[in-house]
Amino acid sequence: MKDERLRIAGEIATALASVHEAGIAHRDLKPDNVMITRRGSKVKIIDFDNRRN
């Protein structure tokens, strides 16, 4: 369980680093805006409506 949480946190950090490098700030990151696929293999950040370029 702890390993799974660390993996998810790492994937979120990697995704945020990628969008930051593209010059985008999410500005509304919260648990509701993080989706995990049914199989748990992918983590997706959603709701970029409040983003800042």
N, C-alpha and C. Protein backbone atom coordinates (compact mmCIF):
# COMPACT_ATOMS: atom_id res chain seq x y z
N MET A 1 0.83 -1.19 0.00
CA MET A 1 0.00 0.00 0.00
C MET A 1 0.87 1.26 0.00
N LYS A 2 1.87 1.31 0.88
CA LYS A 2 2.74 2.48 0.94
C LYS A 2 3.50 2.65 -0.37
N ASP A 3 3.98 1.54 -0.94
CA ASP A 3 4.70 1.61 -2.21
C ASP A 3 3.80 2.16 -3.31
N GLU A 4 2.55 1.77 -3.30
CA GLU A 4 1.59 2.25 -4.30
C GLU A 4 1.38 3.76 -4.17
N ARG A 5 1.26 4.23 -2.95
CA ARG A 5 1.09 5.68 -2.74
C ARG A 5 2.32 6.45 -3.20
N LEU A 6 3.49 5.91 -2.93
CA LEU A 6 4.73 6.57 -3.37
C LEU A 6 4.83 6.58 -4.89
N ARG A 7 4.42 5.50 -5.53
CA ARG A 7 4.44 5.43 -6.99
C ARG A 7 3.52 6.49 -7.58
N ILE A 8 2.32 6.59 -7.02
CA ILE A 8 1.34 7.57 -7.51
C ILE A 8 1.86 8.99 -7.30
N ALA A 9 2.42 9.26 -6.14
CA ALA A 9 2.98 10.60 -5.87
C ALA A 9 4.10 10.91 -6.85
N GLY A 10 4.93 9.93 -7.15
CA GLY A 10 6.01 10.13 -8.11
C GLY A 10 5.50 10.42 -9.50
N GLU A 11 4.45 9.72 -9.91
CA GLU A 11 3.86 9.96 -11.23
C GLU A 11 3.23 11.35 -11.31
N ILE A 12 2.59 11.78 -10.24
CA ILE A 12 2.02 13.14 -10.21
C ILE A 12 3.15 14.16 -10.34
N ALA A 13 4.22 13.98 -9.60
CA ALA A 13 5.35 14.91 -9.65
C ALA A 13 5.97 14.95 -11.04
N THR A 14 6.12 13.80 -11.67
CA THR A 14 6.68 13.74 -13.02
C THR A 14 5.78 14.46 -14.02
N ALA A 15 4.49 14.24 -13.91
CA ALA A 15 3.53 14.89 -14.81
C ALA A 15 3.56 16.40 -14.62
N LEU A 16 3.58 16.85 -13.38
CA LEU A 16 3.62 18.30 -13.11
C LEU A 16 4.92 18.92 -13.62
N ALA A 17 6.01 18.20 -13.50
CA ALA A 17 7.29 18.71 -14.02
C ALA A 17 7.21 18.87 -15.53
N SER A 18 6.57 17.92 -16.20
CA SER A 18 6.44 17.99 -17.66
C SER A 18 5.61 19.19 -18.10
N VAL A 19 4.47 19.40 -17.45
CA VAL A 19 3.64 20.54 -17.86
C VAL A 19 4.31 21.86 -17.47
N HIS A 20 5.05 21.86 -16.37
CA HIS A 20 5.77 23.07 -15.96
C HIS A 20 6.85 23.42 -17.00
N GLU A 21 7.55 22.40 -17.49
CA GLU A 21 8.56 22.63 -18.52
C GLU A 21 7.93 23.21 -19.79
N ALA A 22 6.66 22.89 -20.03
CA ALA A 22 5.94 23.42 -21.19
C ALA A 22 5.39 24.82 -20.90
N GLY A 23 5.66 25.34 -19.71
CA GLY A 23 5.22 26.69 -19.36
C GLY A 23 3.79 26.77 -18.87
N ILE A 24 3.27 25.67 -18.35
CA ILE A 24 1.88 25.62 -17.88
C ILE A 24 1.87 25.35 -16.38
N ALA A 25 1.05 26.09 -15.65
CA ALA A 25 0.83 25.86 -14.23
C ALA A 25 -0.62 25.41 -14.03
N HIS A 26 -0.83 24.31 -13.34
CA HIS A 26 -2.18 23.76 -13.17
C HIS A 26 -3.07 24.69 -12.35
N ARG A 27 -2.61 25.17 -11.23
CA ARG A 27 -3.28 26.13 -10.35
C ARG A 27 -4.49 25.59 -9.58
N ASP A 28 -4.84 24.33 -9.71
CA ASP A 28 -5.97 23.79 -8.94
C ASP A 28 -5.76 22.30 -8.67
N LEU A 29 -4.54 21.93 -8.31
CA LEU A 29 -4.26 20.52 -8.07
C LEU A 29 -4.85 20.11 -6.72
N LYS A 30 -5.68 19.09 -6.76
CA LYS A 30 -6.31 18.53 -5.57
C LYS A 30 -6.69 17.09 -5.89
N PRO A 31 -7.00 16.28 -4.90
CA PRO A 31 -7.32 14.87 -5.16
C PRO A 31 -8.41 14.67 -6.22
N ASP A 32 -9.40 15.56 -6.26
CA ASP A 32 -10.47 15.43 -7.26
C ASP A 32 -9.96 15.55 -8.69
N ASN A 33 -8.79 16.16 -8.88
CA ASN A 33 -8.24 16.37 -10.21
C ASN A 33 -7.15 15.37 -10.57
N VAL A 34 -7.05 14.30 -9.80
CA VAL A 34 -6.13 13.22 -10.10
C VAL A 34 -6.95 11.95 -10.31
N MET A 35 -6.83 11.38 -11.49
CA MET A 35 -7.57 10.17 -11.82
C MET A 35 -6.59 9.00 -11.95
N ILE A 36 -7.01 7.85 -11.49
CA ILE A 36 -6.21 6.63 -11.60
C ILE A 36 -7.04 5.63 -12.39
N THR A 37 -6.43 5.02 -13.41
CA THR A 37 -7.17 4.07 -14.24
C THR A 37 -7.64 2.89 -13.40
N ARG A 38 -8.63 2.20 -13.89
CA ARG A 38 -9.22 1.08 -13.13
C ARG A 38 -8.19 0.04 -12.72
N ARG A 39 -7.27 -0.23 -13.60
CA ARG A 39 -6.23 -1.21 -13.28
C ARG A 39 -5.13 -0.61 -12.42
N GLY A 40 -5.20 0.70 -12.20
CA GLY A 40 -4.22 1.36 -11.36
C GLY A 40 -2.88 1.56 -12.03
N SER A 41 -2.83 1.34 -13.33
CA SER A 41 -1.54 1.41 -14.02
C SER A 41 -1.16 2.82 -14.46
N LYS A 42 -2.13 3.72 -14.55
CA LYS A 42 -1.83 5.08 -15.01
C LYS A 42 -2.48 6.11 -14.10
N VAL A 43 -1.75 7.20 -13.92
CA VAL A 43 -2.24 8.33 -13.14
C VAL A 43 -2.39 9.49 -14.11
N LYS A 44 -3.54 10.16 -14.07
CA LYS A 44 -3.79 11.28 -14.98
C LYS A 44 -4.22 12.50 -14.19
N ILE A 45 -3.68 13.64 -14.57
CA ILE A 45 -4.08 14.91 -13.97
C ILE A 45 -5.09 15.54 -14.92
N ILE A 46 -6.23 15.94 -14.38
CA ILE A 46 -7.30 16.50 -15.20
C ILE A 46 -7.64 17.92 -14.75
N ASP A 47 -8.54 18.54 -15.46
CA ASP A 47 -9.10 19.86 -15.13
C ASP A 47 -8.05 20.97 -15.17
N PHE A 48 -7.60 21.26 -16.36
CA PHE A 48 -6.64 22.34 -16.56
C PHE A 48 -7.34 23.66 -16.88
N ASP A 49 -8.60 23.80 -16.48
CA ASP A 49 -9.36 25.02 -16.78
C ASP A 49 -8.75 26.27 -16.16
N ASN A 50 -8.12 26.13 -15.00
CA ASN A 50 -7.54 27.29 -14.31
C ASN A 50 -6.05 27.45 -14.59
N ARG A 51 -5.58 26.80 -15.63
CA ARG A 51 -4.14 26.82 -15.92
C ARG A 51 -3.67 28.23 -16.27
N ARG A 52 -2.40 28.42 -16.11
CA ARG A 52 -1.78 29.69 -16.51
C ARG A 52 -0.61 29.35 -17.41
N ASN A 53 -0.60 29.97 -18.58
CA ASN A 53 0.50 29.75 -19.54
C ASN A 53 1.54 30.83 -19.39
